[in-house]
Amino acid sequence: MTKSLDNQTAVFFGTFVNAAYRMYEADPSNLTPPPAGITEGWSLVAWIQMSDFALGDSTQKFYGFIAQNNVQTRSFVVAIRGTEGTTEWWDDAHIASVPFTQVPNAGRVAQGFDRIYGTLGVRMRKPASAEGVGVEAQPLPLKGTFAEQVAQAVTAGSGAQKLDLNALDFTMPVVAVTGHSLGAALCTLYVMENAAKKVINNPTVCTFASPRVGNSAFVQAFNALQLASWRIVNAADLVPNLPPDIFGYAHVDTQCLFDSTGKVRSTISCAHSLDTYLCLLDPSRKPTTDCTPSSADVAMSEHLGIASAESVVQPSTASSSERHRGVSLKAPASVTININIFSEPPSDQ
């Protein structure tokens, strides 16, 4: 299904990911934080937890949530944030390609993403205890793969009695998917697993700053799903250029290209920030204080003639100049990127 990018709808999805960031930042040690910043008219029904293995730490952390529409109760959003910091997660996102564990016949993916995806888990939110106002019962852990756990959560939340896409039952839950950075890569893997198992209907996938997830065979399999897939990219952002395409990795459809040059401060973190992406989609939004552009940044934009409108292109037609136009990577001294390469070569199988 081809569907052109709708900026305001994309911003709408981005606000869910922003809420996941805010909930995490309020207390990074809390695996089931209280809802904060979730779009009005939507309620949190489950938490998403995982380990990103950053710096060798395999501790589970809160990474996102599943939200349900209060009126259209069969409508859900899965939102997954990225890591805190610009590129720390790359330490363990090894770029050796391996078959995707959950769908091994769908091409190959980056070993790190496959490993991290395997740690994803869902915990259902239970209603407040009748014995104590404002006190919630212990969250319920679910079983199975991540796609199966998401299906259990939304099925329970919607009151659906069965899961069978082949039955064309339009009372089934519908789950839109959105994520930023590492979360975007994991959303892509989730959609692939969910489609292969025909568990839940994912009508829209909206990702921000997604890295390349898999090889050409994986990309072909994903694109064949014919979803409304918006892969929103800032030309000045480093992360969408990882893992390098020279190792056989490619991007899934459909690229929606913007350029933040001159609109935010020219640093790696500002170019990658979700807030920056939302400002590009909606010019009425302002960048965060630490990303407000300097006069030099504005002058650079004027010199390069950066346009305000986005272009939507397929990965195969995006030229190198389109991908890198206006990129200014002024990295803080503390930012490092470690790419781990193993002996197993990429393959299209």
C-alpha atoms as a PDB file:
ATOM      1  CA  MET A   1       0.000   0.000   0.000  1.00  0.00           C
ATOM      2  CA  THR A   2       1.541   3.288  -1.122  1.00  0.00           C
ATOM      3  CA  LYS A   3       0.757   6.267   1.044  1.00  0.00           C
ATOM      4  CA  SER A   4       2.477   9.639   0.816  1.00  0.00           C
ATOM      5  CA  LEU A   5       3.991  11.145   3.925  1.00  0.00           C
ATOM      6  CA  ASP A   6       1.583  13.220   5.973  1.00  0.00           C
ATOM      7  CA  ASN A   7       3.699  15.557   8.092  1.00  0.00           C
ATOM      8  CA  GLN A   8       1.180  16.104  10.857  1.00  0.00           C
ATOM      9  CA  THR A   9       0.468  12.393  11.185  1.00  0.00           C
ATOM     10  CA  ALA A  10       4.213  11.764  11.398  1.00  0.00           C
ATOM     11  CA  VAL A  11       4.496  14.404  14.142  1.00  0.00           C
ATOM     12  CA  PHE A  12       1.597  12.689  15.901  1.00  0.00           C
ATOM     13  CA  PHE A  13       3.525   9.407  15.926  1.00  0.00           C
ATOM     14  CA  GLY A  14       6.698  11.196  17.006  1.00  0.00           C
ATOM     15  CA  THR A  15       4.987  12.527  20.118  1.00  0.00           C
ATOM     16  CA  PHE A  16       4.548   8.932  21.331  1.00  0.00           C
ATOM     17  CA  VAL A  17       8.282   8.279  20.991  1.00  0.00           C
ATOM     18  CA  ASN A  18       8.999  11.571  22.748  1.00  0.00           C
ATOM     19  CA  ALA A  19       6.770  10.396  25.597  1.00  0.00           C
ATOM     20  CA  ALA A  20       8.855   7.215  25.887  1.00  0.00           C
ATOM     21  CA  TYR A  21      11.996   9.348  26.220  1.00  0.00           C
ATOM     22  CA  ARG A  22      10.384  11.546  28.877  1.00  0.00           C
ATOM     23  CA  MET A  23       9.134   8.557  30.865  1.00  0.00           C
ATOM     24  CA  TYR A  24      12.614   7.033  30.836  1.00  0.00           C
ATOM     25  CA  GLU A  25      14.363  10.268  31.775  1.00  0.00           C
ATOM     26  CA  ALA A  26      12.080  10.765  34.784  1.00  0.00           C
ATOM     27  CA  ASP A  27      13.574   7.639  36.403  1.00  0.00           C
ATOM     28  CA  PRO A  28      15.939   5.496  34.292  1.00  0.00           C
ATOM     29  CA  SER A  29      15.788   2.682  36.859  1.00  0.00           C
ATOM     30  CA  ASN A  30      11.999   2.315  36.635  1.00  0.00           C
ATOM     31  CA  LEU A  31      10.994  -0.491  34.264  1.00  0.00           C
ATOM     32  CA  THR A  32       7.313   0.454  34.439  1.00  0.00           C
ATOM     33  CA  PRO A  33       7.204   4.260  34.687  1.00  0.00           C
ATOM     34  CA  PRO A  34       3.871   6.066  35.003  1.00  0.00           C
ATOM     35  CA  PRO A  35       2.547   7.500  31.739  1.00  0.00           C
ATOM     36  CA  ALA A  36       3.769  11.004  31.005  1.00  0.00           C
ATOM     37  CA  GLY A  37       3.326  13.062  27.868  1.00  0.00           C
ATOM     38  CA  ILE A  38       1.216  10.466  26.047  1.00  0.00           C
ATOM     39  CA  THR A  39      -1.082  12.053  23.476  1.00  0.00           C
ATOM     40  CA  GLU A  40      -4.461  13.085  24.846  1.00  0.00           C
ATOM     41  CA  GLY A  41      -7.128  10.503  24.158  1.00  0.00           C
ATOM     42  CA  TRP A  42      -4.693   7.587  24.423  1.00  0.00           C
ATOM     43  CA  SER A  43      -3.833   5.365  27.401  1.00  0.00           C
ATOM     44  CA  LEU A  44      -0.839   3.236  28.274  1.00  0.00           C
ATOM     45  CA  VAL A  45      -1.693  -0.470  28.260  1.00  0.00           C
ATOM     46  CA  ALA A  46       1.766  -2.064  28.399  1.00  0.00           C
ATOM     47  CA  TRP A  47       5.459  -1.279  28.822  1.00  0.00           C
ATOM     48  CA  ILE A  48       8.245  -2.412  26.485  1.00  0.00           C
ATOM     49  CA  GLN A  49      11.544  -3.429  28.061  1.00  0.00           C
ATOM     50  CA  MET A  50      14.841  -4.592  26.609  1.00  0.00           C
ATOM     51  CA  SER A  51      18.606  -4.604  27.014  1.00  0.00           C
ATOM     52  CA  ASP A  52      20.723  -2.623  24.572  1.00  0.00           C
ATOM     53  CA  PHE A  53      23.969  -4.189  25.879  1.00  0.00           C
ATOM     54  CA  ALA A  54      25.533  -0.710  25.953  1.00  0.00           C
ATOM     55  CA  LEU A  55      29.044  -0.807  27.411  1.00  0.00           C
ATOM     56  CA  GLY A  56      28.556  -4.473  28.271  1.00  0.00           C
ATOM     57  CA  ASP A  57      25.529  -3.848  30.493  1.00  0.00           C
ATOM     58  CA  SER A  58      22.740  -6.378  29.849  1.00  0.00           C
ATOM     59  CA  THR A  59      20.334  -4.913  32.424  1.00  0.00           C
ATOM     60  CA  GLN A  60      16.735  -4.588  31.261  1.00  0.00           C
ATOM     61  CA  LYS A  61      15.559  -1.008  30.751  1.00  0.00           C
ATOM     62  CA  PHE A  62      12.299   0.720  29.862  1.00  0.00           C
ATOM     63  CA  TYR A  63      12.334   1.449  26.128  1.00  0.00           C
ATOM     64  CA  GLY A  64       8.775   2.104  25.084  1.00  0.00           C
ATOM     65  CA  PHE A  65       5.115   1.325  25.464  1.00  0.00           C
ATOM     66  CA  ILE A  66       1.895   0.269  23.793  1.00  0.00           C
ATOM     67  CA  ALA A  67      -0.883   2.867  23.828  1.00  0.00           C
ATOM     68  CA  GLN A  68      -4.581   2.376  23.097  1.00  0.00           C
ATOM     69  CA  ASN A  69      -7.074   4.874  21.722  1.00  0.00           C
ATOM     70  CA  ASN A  70      -9.721   5.594  24.366  1.00  0.00           C
ATOM     71  CA  VAL A  71     -12.551   5.760  21.822  1.00  0.00           C
ATOM     72  CA  GLN A  72     -11.457   3.511  18.952  1.00  0.00           C
ATOM     73  CA  THR A  73     -10.383   0.768  21.323  1.00  0.00           C
ATOM     74  CA  ARG A  74      -9.014  -1.504  18.605  1.00  0.00           C
ATOM     75  CA  SER A  75      -6.453   1.147  17.582  1.00  0.00           C
ATOM     76  CA  PHE A  76      -2.989   0.914  19.166  1.00  0.00           C
ATOM     77  CA  VAL A  77       0.455   2.476  18.796  1.00  0.00           C
ATOM     78  CA  VAL A  78       3.738   0.713  19.575  1.00  0.00           C
ATOM     79  CA  ALA A  79       6.432   3.327  20.342  1.00  0.00           C
ATOM     80  CA  ILE A  80      10.115   2.549  20.974  1.00  0.00           C
ATOM     81  CA  ARG A  81      12.709   5.168  21.872  1.00  0.00           C
ATOM     82  CA  GLY A  82      16.395   5.145  21.004  1.00  0.00           C
ATOM     83  CA  THR A  83      19.256   5.048  23.450  1.00  0.00           C
ATOM     84  CA  GLU A  84      20.109   8.029  25.603  1.00  0.00           C
ATOM     85  CA  GLY A  85      23.083   9.707  23.964  1.00  0.00           C
ATOM     86  CA  THR A  86      23.978   9.899  20.306  1.00  0.00           C
ATOM     87  CA  THR A  87      25.830   6.758  19.345  1.00  0.00           C
ATOM     88  CA  GLU A  88      26.651   4.647  22.415  1.00  0.00           C
ATOM     89  CA  TRP A  89      24.386   1.821  21.253  1.00  0.00           C
ATOM     90  CA  TRP A  90      26.639   1.239  18.273  1.00  0.00           C
ATOM     91  CA  ASP A  91      29.259  -0.373  20.547  1.00  0.00           C
ATOM     92  CA  ASP A  92      27.213  -3.564  20.485  1.00  0.00           C
ATOM     93  CA  ALA A  93      25.336  -3.240  17.200  1.00  0.00           C
ATOM     94  CA  HIS A  94      27.826  -5.552  15.489  1.00  0.00           C
ATOM     95  CA  ILE A  95      27.603  -5.306  11.723  1.00  0.00           C
ATOM     96  CA  ALA A  96      28.215  -8.937  10.886  1.00  0.00           C
ATOM     97  CA  SER A  97      25.075 -10.057   9.068  1.00  0.00           C
ATOM     98  CA  VAL A  98      23.117 -13.031  10.379  1.00  0.00           C
ATOM     99  CA  PRO A  99      19.742 -14.567   9.519  1.00  0.00           C
ATOM    100  CA  PHE A 100      16.980 -12.779  11.434  1.00  0.00           C
ATOM    101  CA  THR A 101      16.278 -15.209  14.281  1.00  0.00           C
ATOM    102  CA  GLN A 102      12.494 -14.781  14.127  1.00  0.00           C
ATOM    103  CA  VAL A 103      12.211 -14.917  10.317  1.00  0.00           C
ATOM    104  CA  PRO A 104      15.358 -16.713   9.099  1.00  0.00           C
ATOM    105  CA  ASN A 105      14.196 -16.842   5.459  1.00  0.00           C
ATOM    106  CA  ALA A 106      13.824 -13.050   5.189  1.00  0.00           C
ATOM    107  CA  GLY A 107      17.411 -12.169   4.390  1.00  0.00           C
ATOM    108  CA  ARG A 108      20.085 -11.155   6.841  1.00  0.00           C
ATOM    109  CA  VAL A 109      20.251  -8.391   9.448  1.00  0.00           C
ATOM    110  CA  ALA A 110      22.901  -6.743  11.595  1.00  0.00           C
ATOM    111  CA  GLN A 111      23.882  -9.151  14.357  1.00  0.00           C
ATOM    112  CA  GLY A 112      23.584  -6.489  17.041  1.00  0.00           C
ATOM    113  CA  PHE A 113      20.022  -5.590  16.107  1.00  0.00           C
ATOM    114  CA  ASP A 114      19.017  -9.246  16.034  1.00  0.00           C
ATOM    115  CA  ARG A 115      20.582  -9.775  19.457  1.00  0.00           C
ATOM    116  CA  ILE A 116      18.906  -6.738  20.980  1.00  0.00           C
ATOM    117  CA  TYR A 117      15.539  -7.616  19.415  1.00  0.00           C
ATOM    118  CA  GLY A 118      15.687 -10.952  21.196  1.00  0.00           C
ATOM    119  CA  THR A 119      15.665  -9.164  24.570  1.00  0.00           C
ATOM    120  CA  LEU A 120      12.432  -7.233  23.912  1.00  0.00           C
ATOM    121  CA  GLY A 121       9.622  -8.000  26.305  1.00  0.00           C
ATOM    122  CA  VAL A 122       6.149  -6.646  27.080  1.00  0.00           C
ATOM    123  CA  ARG A 123       4.588  -6.165  30.518  1.00  0.00           C
ATOM    124  CA  MET A 124       0.858  -5.588  30.686  1.00  0.00           C
ATOM    125  CA  ARG A 125      -0.477  -2.762  32.820  1.00  0.00           C
ATOM    126  CA  LYS A 126      -3.122  -3.955  35.264  1.00  0.00           C
ATOM    127  CA  PRO A 127      -5.984  -1.777  36.529  1.00  0.00           C
ATOM    128  CA  ALA A 128      -5.476   0.069  39.786  1.00  0.00           C
ATOM    129  CA  SER A 129      -6.025  -2.047  42.855  1.00  0.00           C
ATOM    130  CA  ALA A 130      -9.483  -1.770  44.373  1.00  0.00           C
ATOM    131  CA  GLU A 131      -7.881  -1.838  47.800  1.00  0.00           C
ATOM    132  CA  GLY A 132      -5.708   1.211  47.338  1.00  0.00           C
ATOM    133  CA  VAL A 133      -6.413   4.348  45.344  1.00  0.00           C
ATOM    134  CA  GLY A 134      -3.637   5.074  42.852  1.00  0.00           C
ATOM    135  CA  VAL A 135      -1.867   1.781  43.578  1.00  0.00           C
ATOM    136  CA  GLU A 136      -1.315  -0.525  40.633  1.00  0.00           C
ATOM    137  CA  ALA A 137      -0.994  -4.279  40.809  1.00  0.00           C
ATOM    138  CA  GLN A 138       2.253  -5.854  39.629  1.00  0.00           C
ATOM    139  CA  PRO A 139       2.642  -5.692  35.820  1.00  0.00           C
ATOM    140  CA  LEU A 140       2.055  -8.974  34.028  1.00  0.00           C
ATOM    141  CA  PRO A 141       4.987 -10.346  31.991  1.00  0.00           C
ATOM    142  CA  LEU A 142       3.959 -11.992  28.732  1.00  0.00           C
ATOM    143  CA  LYS A 143       5.458 -15.007  26.973  1.00  0.00           C
ATOM    144  CA  GLY A 144       6.659 -15.718  23.447  1.00  0.00           C
ATOM    145  CA  THR A 145       8.545 -13.615  20.934  1.00  0.00           C
ATOM    146  CA  PHE A 146       8.143  -9.855  20.902  1.00  0.00           C
ATOM    147  CA  ALA A 147       5.541  -9.896  18.104  1.00  0.00           C
ATOM    148  CA  GLU A 148       3.591 -12.578  19.957  1.00  0.00           C
ATOM    149  CA  GLN A 149       3.714 -10.569  23.191  1.00  0.00           C
ATOM    150  CA  VAL A 150       2.497  -7.419  21.427  1.00  0.00           C
ATOM    151  CA  ALA A 151      -0.360  -9.456  19.964  1.00  0.00           C
ATOM    152  CA  GLN A 152      -1.313 -10.755  23.408  1.00  0.00           C
ATOM    153  CA  ALA A 153      -1.271  -7.246  24.867  1.00  0.00           C
ATOM    154  CA  VAL A 154      -3.426  -5.589  22.215  1.00  0.00           C
ATOM    155  CA  THR A 155      -5.790  -8.527  21.963  1.00  0.00           C
ATOM    156  CA  ALA A 156      -6.418  -8.405  25.699  1.00  0.00           C
ATOM    157  CA  GLY A 157      -6.781  -4.622  25.578  1.00  0.00           C
ATOM    158  CA  SER A 158      -9.240  -4.642  22.687  1.00  0.00           C
ATOM    159  CA  GLY A 159     -11.321  -7.578  23.830  1.00  0.00           C
ATOM    160  CA  ALA A 160     -10.740  -9.449  20.560  1.00  0.00           C
ATOM    161  CA  GLN A 161     -11.337 -13.167  20.815  1.00  0.00           C
ATOM    162  CA  LYS A 162      -9.003 -14.426  18.111  1.00  0.00           C
ATOM    163  CA  LEU A 163      -5.950 -13.619  16.012  1.00  0.00           C
ATOM    164  CA  ASP A 164      -6.373 -14.555  12.369  1.00  0.00           C
ATOM    165  CA  LEU A 165      -5.553 -12.062   9.635  1.00  0.00           C
ATOM    166  CA  ASN A 166      -6.640 -14.570   7.006  1.00  0.00           C
ATOM    167  CA  ALA A 167     -10.186 -14.338   8.363  1.00  0.00           C
ATOM    168  CA  LEU A 168     -10.376 -10.662   7.275  1.00  0.00           C
ATOM    169  CA  ASP A 169     -11.995  -9.826  10.581  1.00  0.00           C
ATOM    170  CA  PHE A 170     -12.131  -6.031  10.681  1.00  0.00           C
ATOM    171  CA  THR A 171     -12.794  -6.077  14.418  1.00  0.00           C
ATOM    172  CA  MET A 172      -9.190  -7.183  14.934  1.00  0.00           C
ATOM    173  CA  PRO A 173      -6.726  -4.813  16.623  1.00  0.00           C
ATOM    174  CA  VAL A 174      -4.751  -2.439  14.381  1.00  0.00           C
ATOM    175  CA  VAL A 175      -1.266  -1.453  15.552  1.00  0.00           C
ATOM    176  CA  ALA A 176       0.722   1.467  14.115  1.00  0.00           C
ATOM    177  CA  VAL A 177       4.459   1.305  14.795  1.00  0.00           C
ATOM    178  CA  THR A 178       6.889   4.156  15.452  1.00  0.00           C
ATOM    179  CA  GLY A 179      10.451   4.470  16.715  1.00  0.00           C
ATOM    180  CA  HIS A 180      13.576   6.620  16.710  1.00  0.00           C
ATOM    181  CA  SER A 181      17.173   5.545  16.029  1.00  0.00           C
ATOM    182  CA  LEU A 182      17.763   2.092  17.534  1.00  0.00           C
ATOM    183  CA  GLY A 183      14.026   1.977  18.214  1.00  0.00           C
ATOM    184  CA  ALA A 184      13.417   2.501  14.483  1.00  0.00           C
ATOM    185  CA  ALA A 185      15.556  -0.532  13.634  1.00  0.00           C
ATOM    186  CA  LEU A 186      13.696  -2.655  16.183  1.00  0.00           C
ATOM    187  CA  CYS A 187      10.319  -1.480  14.833  1.00  0.00           C
ATOM    188  CA  THR A 188      11.410  -2.623  11.377  1.00  0.00           C
ATOM    189  CA  LEU A 189      12.294  -6.077  12.720  1.00  0.00           C
ATOM    190  CA  TYR A 190       9.009  -6.263  14.626  1.00  0.00           C
ATOM    191  CA  VAL A 191       6.976  -5.486  11.518  1.00  0.00           C
ATOM    192  CA  MET A 192       8.822  -8.191   9.601  1.00  0.00           C
ATOM    193  CA  GLU A 193       8.241 -10.790  12.323  1.00  0.00           C
ATOM    194  CA  ASN A 194       4.615  -9.804  12.780  1.00  0.00           C
ATOM    195  CA  ALA A 195       3.916  -9.995   9.045  1.00  0.00           C
ATOM    196  CA  ALA A 196       5.603 -13.390   8.709  1.00  0.00           C
ATOM    197  CA  LYS A 197       3.486 -14.802  11.520  1.00  0.00           C
ATOM    198  CA  LYS A 198       0.309 -12.975  10.425  1.00  0.00           C
ATOM    199  CA  VAL A 199      -0.407 -11.907  13.972  1.00  0.00           C
ATOM    200  CA  ILE A 200      -1.648  -8.279  13.951  1.00  0.00           C
ATOM    201  CA  ASN A 201      -2.424  -5.706  11.263  1.00  0.00           C
ATOM    202  CA  ASN A 202       0.333  -3.043  11.052  1.00  0.00           C
ATOM    203  CA  PRO A 203      -1.083  -0.442   8.636  1.00  0.00           C
ATOM    204  CA  THR A 204       1.557   2.261   9.198  1.00  0.00           C
ATOM    205  CA  VAL A 205       5.249   2.247  10.084  1.00  0.00           C
ATOM    206  CA  CYS A 206       6.777   5.635  10.886  1.00  0.00           C
ATOM    207  CA  THR A 207      10.462   5.681  11.807  1.00  0.00           C
ATOM    208  CA  PHE A 208      12.861   8.516  12.524  1.00  0.00           C
ATOM    209  CA  ALA A 209      16.648   8.360  11.996  1.00  0.00           C
ATOM    210  CA  SER A 210      16.647   4.653  11.264  1.00  0.00           C
ATOM    211  CA  PRO A 211      19.964   2.947  10.586  1.00  0.00           C
ATOM    212  CA  ARG A 212      20.186   0.331   7.854  1.00  0.00           C
ATOM    213  CA  VAL A 213      18.748  -2.864   9.307  1.00  0.00           C
ATOM    214  CA  GLY A 214      19.448  -5.657   6.842  1.00  0.00           C
ATOM    215  CA  ASN A 215      20.827  -6.693   3.485  1.00  0.00           C
ATOM    216  CA  SER A 216      19.161  -6.421   0.069  1.00  0.00           C
ATOM    217  CA  ALA A 217      17.201  -9.654   0.544  1.00  0.00           C
ATOM    218  CA  PHE A 218      15.786  -8.349   3.849  1.00  0.00           C
ATOM    219  CA  VAL A 219      14.905  -5.039   2.202  1.00  0.00           C
ATOM    220  CA  GLN A 220      13.123  -6.787  -0.663  1.00  0.00           C
ATOM    221  CA  ALA A 221      11.138  -8.913   1.781  1.00  0.00           C
ATOM    222  CA  PHE A 222      10.157  -5.863   3.844  1.00  0.00           C
ATOM    223  CA  ASN A 223       9.200  -3.765   0.830  1.00  0.00           C
ATOM    224  CA  ALA A 224       7.071  -6.614  -0.485  1.00  0.00           C
ATOM    225  CA  LEU A 225       4.825  -6.220   2.572  1.00  0.00           C
ATOM    226  CA  GLN A 226       3.355  -3.143   0.840  1.00  0.00           C
ATOM    227  CA  LEU A 227       2.864  -1.228   4.077  1.00  0.00           C
ATOM    228  CA  ALA A 228       2.549   2.515   4.470  1.00  0.00           C
ATOM    229  CA  SER A 229       6.173   2.874   5.566  1.00  0.00           C
ATOM    230  CA  TRP A 230       7.647   6.322   6.226  1.00  0.00           C
ATOM    231  CA  ARG A 231      11.380   6.293   6.959  1.00  0.00           C
ATOM    232  CA  ILE A 232      12.069   9.909   7.873  1.00  0.00           C
ATOM    233  CA  VAL A 233      15.692  10.981   7.410  1.00  0.00           C
ATOM    234  CA  ASN A 234      17.636  14.135   8.226  1.00  0.00           C
ATOM    235  CA  ALA A 235      20.409  14.537   5.621  1.00  0.00           C
ATOM    236  CA  ALA A 236      22.693  15.965   8.320  1.00  0.00           C
ATOM    237  CA  ASP A 237      22.234  12.930  10.602  1.00  0.00           C
ATOM    238  CA  LEU A 238      25.027  10.368  10.820  1.00  0.00           C
ATOM    239  CA  VAL A 239      23.005   7.368  12.051  1.00  0.00           C
ATOM    240  CA  PRO A 240      21.006   6.661   8.838  1.00  0.00           C
ATOM    241  CA  ASN A 241      24.367   6.049   7.142  1.00  0.00           C
ATOM    242  CA  LEU A 242      25.103   3.120   9.491  1.00  0.00           C
ATOM    243  CA  PRO A 243      25.901   0.284   9.074  1.00  0.00           C
ATOM    244  CA  PRO A 244      27.908   1.306   5.977  1.00  0.00           C
ATOM    245  CA  ASP A 245      26.425   0.142   2.692  1.00  0.00           C
ATOM    246  CA  ILE A 246      29.820  -1.216   1.666  1.00  0.00           C
ATOM    247  CA  PHE A 247      29.066  -4.151   3.979  1.00  0.00           C
ATOM    248  CA  GLY A 248      25.965  -5.075   2.010  1.00  0.00           C
ATOM    249  CA  TYR A 249      23.350  -3.193   4.042  1.00  0.00           C
ATOM    250  CA  ALA A 250      20.507  -1.235   2.475  1.00  0.00           C
ATOM    251  CA  HIS A 251      17.538   0.843   3.563  1.00  0.00           C
ATOM    252  CA  VAL A 252      13.891  -0.202   3.470  1.00  0.00           C
ATOM    253  CA  ASP A 253      11.255   1.960   1.790  1.00  0.00           C
ATOM    254  CA  THR A 254      10.269   4.757   1.807  1.00  0.00           C
ATOM    255  CA  GLN A 255      12.763   7.515   2.447  1.00  0.00           C
ATOM    256  CA  CYS A 256      11.328  10.925   3.356  1.00  0.00           C
ATOM    257  CA  LEU A 257      14.306  13.266   3.230  1.00  0.00           C
ATOM    258  CA  PHE A 258      14.742  16.552   5.095  1.00  0.00           C
ATOM    259  CA  ASP A 259      17.793  18.674   5.910  1.00  0.00           C
ATOM    260  CA  SER A 260      18.394  20.418   9.247  1.00  0.00           C
ATOM    261  CA  THR A 261      21.433  22.370   8.067  1.00  0.00           C
ATOM    262  CA  GLY A 262      21.012  25.945   9.278  1.00  0.00           C
ATOM    263  CA  LYS A 263      17.860  25.072  11.184  1.00  0.00           C
ATOM    264  CA  VAL A 264      19.554  23.574  14.253  1.00  0.00           C
ATOM    265  CA  ARG A 265      23.038  23.734  15.723  1.00  0.00           C
ATOM    266  CA  SER A 266      25.510  21.808  13.594  1.00  0.00           C
ATOM    267  CA  THR A 267      26.393  18.932  15.935  1.00  0.00           C
ATOM    268  CA  ILE A 268      25.919  15.171  15.750  1.00  0.00           C
ATOM    269  CA  SER A 269      23.513  15.122  18.681  1.00  0.00           C
ATOM    270  CA  CYS A 270      21.329  17.969  17.364  1.00  0.00           C
ATOM    271  CA  ALA A 271      21.147  16.449  13.874  1.00  0.00           C
ATOM    272  CA  HIS A 272      20.062  13.126  15.385  1.00  0.00           C
ATOM    273  CA  SER A 273      17.640  14.461  18.011  1.00  0.00           C
ATOM    274  CA  LEU A 274      13.995  13.440  17.652  1.00  0.00           C
ATOM    275  CA  ASP A 275      13.013  17.018  18.515  1.00  0.00           C
ATOM    276  CA  THR A 276      14.964  18.150  15.442  1.00  0.00           C
ATOM    277  CA  TYR A 277      13.077  15.684  13.268  1.00  0.00           C
ATOM    278  CA  LEU A 278       9.756  16.965  14.577  1.00  0.00           C
ATOM    279  CA  CYS A 279      10.808  20.572  13.856  1.00  0.00           C
ATOM    280  CA  LEU A 280      11.614  19.593  10.270  1.00  0.00           C
ATOM    281  CA  LEU A 281       8.192  18.037   9.869  1.00  0.00           C
ATOM    282  CA  ASP A 282       6.442  20.990  11.494  1.00  0.00           C
ATOM    283  CA  PRO A 283       8.302  24.319  11.051  1.00  0.00           C
ATOM    284  CA  SER A 284       6.088  25.927  13.704  1.00  0.00           C
ATOM    285  CA  ARG A 285       7.959  23.852  16.302  1.00  0.00           C
ATOM    286  CA  LYS A 286      11.228  25.265  17.635  1.00  0.00           C
ATOM    287  CA  PRO A 287      14.439  23.319  18.322  1.00  0.00           C
ATOM    288  CA  THR A 288      15.492  22.757  21.901  1.00  0.00           C
ATOM    289  CA  THR A 289      17.582  25.484  23.522  1.00  0.00           C
ATOM    290  CA  ASP A 290      20.848  23.598  23.175  1.00  0.00           C
ATOM    291  CA  CYS A 291      20.145  23.034  19.456  1.00  0.00           C
ATOM    292  CA  THR A 292      19.136  26.579  18.513  1.00  0.00           C
ATOM    293  CA  PRO A 293      21.232  27.410  15.420  1.00  0.00           C
ATOM    294  CA  SER A 294      24.060  29.896  15.606  1.00  0.00           C
ATOM    295  CA  SER A 295      24.525  32.681  13.069  1.00  0.00           C
ATOM    296  CA  ALA A 296      27.199  30.534  11.417  1.00  0.00           C
ATOM    297  CA  ASP A 297      24.727  27.668  11.030  1.00  0.00           C
ATOM    298  CA  VAL A 298      22.164  29.964   9.400  1.00  0.00           C
ATOM    299  CA  ALA A 299      24.816  31.401   7.079  1.00  0.00           C
ATOM    300  CA  MET A 300      25.781  27.864   6.044  1.00  0.00           C
ATOM    301  CA  SER A 301      22.162  27.121   5.157  1.00  0.00           C
ATOM    302  CA  GLU A 302      21.868  30.278   3.078  1.00  0.00           C
ATOM    303  CA  HIS A 303      25.172  29.550   1.315  1.00  0.00           C
ATOM    304  CA  LEU A 304      24.113  26.006   0.420  1.00  0.00           C
ATOM    305  CA  GLY A 305      20.592  27.057  -0.527  1.00  0.00           C
ATOM    306  CA  ILE A 306      18.953  24.396   1.652  1.00  0.00           C
ATOM    307  CA  ALA A 307      15.263  24.092   0.776  1.00  0.00           C
ATOM    308  CA  SER A 308      12.612  23.863   3.461  1.00  0.00           C
ATOM    309  CA  ALA A 309      10.511  21.190   1.747  1.00  0.00           C
ATOM    310  CA  GLU A 310      11.265  17.504   1.921  1.00  0.00           C
ATOM    311  CA  SER A 311      11.773  15.127  -0.978  1.00  0.00           C
ATOM    312  CA  VAL A 312      10.491  11.566  -0.913  1.00  0.00           C
ATOM    313  CA  VAL A 313      12.705   9.058  -2.709  1.00  0.00           C
ATOM    314  CA  GLN A 314      13.300   5.340  -2.818  1.00  0.00           C
ATOM    315  CA  PRO A 315      16.585   4.121  -1.284  1.00  0.00           C
ATOM    316  CA  SER A 316      17.812   2.952  -4.680  1.00  0.00           C
ATOM    317  CA  THR A 317      17.380   6.405  -6.248  1.00  0.00           C
ATOM    318  CA  ALA A 318      18.834   8.514  -3.442  1.00  0.00           C
ATOM    319  CA  SER A 319      22.199   9.713  -4.670  1.00  0.00           C
ATOM    320  CA  SER A 320      25.213  10.189  -2.461  1.00  0.00           C
ATOM    321  CA  SER A 321      24.870  13.954  -2.798  1.00  0.00           C
ATOM    322  CA  GLU A 322      21.227  13.769  -1.698  1.00  0.00           C
ATOM    323  CA  ARG A 323      22.141  11.709   1.350  1.00  0.00           C
ATOM    324  CA  HIS A 324      25.026  13.882   2.454  1.00  0.00           C
ATOM    325  CA  ARG A 325      24.147  17.369   1.174  1.00  0.00           C
ATOM    326  CA  GLY A 326      24.909  19.989   3.759  1.00  0.00           C
ATOM    327  CA  VAL A 327      26.176  17.567   6.393  1.00  0.00           C
ATOM    328  CA  SER A 328      28.344  19.225   8.999  1.00  0.00           C
ATOM    329  CA  LEU A 329      29.538  16.782  11.629  1.00  0.00           C
ATOM    330  CA  LYS A 330      31.040  18.749  14.466  1.00  0.00           C
ATOM    331  CA  ALA A 331      31.314  15.954  17.002  1.00  0.00           C
ATOM    332  CA  PRO A 332      31.788  16.560  20.713  1.00  0.00           C
ATOM    333  CA  ALA A 333      35.086  15.135  21.941  1.00  0.00           C
ATOM    334  CA  SER A 334      33.274  12.528  24.048  1.00  0.00           C
ATOM    335  CA  VAL A 335      31.454  10.891  21.134  1.00  0.00           C
ATOM    336  CA  THR A 336      33.013   7.720  19.751  1.00  0.00           C
ATOM    337  CA  ILE A 337      31.714   5.088  17.373  1.00  0.00           C
ATOM    338  CA  ASN A 338      33.016   1.532  17.539  1.00  0.00           C
ATOM    339  CA  ILE A 339      32.082  -0.726  14.647  1.00  0.00           C
ATOM    340  CA  ASN A 340      32.659  -4.421  15.289  1.00  0.00           C
ATOM    341  CA  ILE A 341      33.274  -6.589  12.254  1.00  0.00           C
ATOM    342  CA  PHE A 342      33.271 -10.381  12.354  1.00  0.00           C
ATOM    343  CA  SER A 343      34.423 -12.909   9.813  1.00  0.00           C
ATOM    344  CA  GLU A 344      30.999 -14.020   8.610  1.00  0.00           C
ATOM    345  CA  PRO A 345      30.415 -12.223   5.259  1.00  0.00           C
ATOM    346  CA  PRO A 346      27.116 -10.657   4.208  1.00  0.00           C
ATOM    347  CA  SER A 347      24.899 -12.764   2.005  1.00  0.00           C
ATOM    348  CA  ASP A 348      21.697 -12.216   0.096  1.00  0.00           C
ATOM    349  CA  GLN A 349      20.307 -15.469   1.458  1.00  0.00           C
END
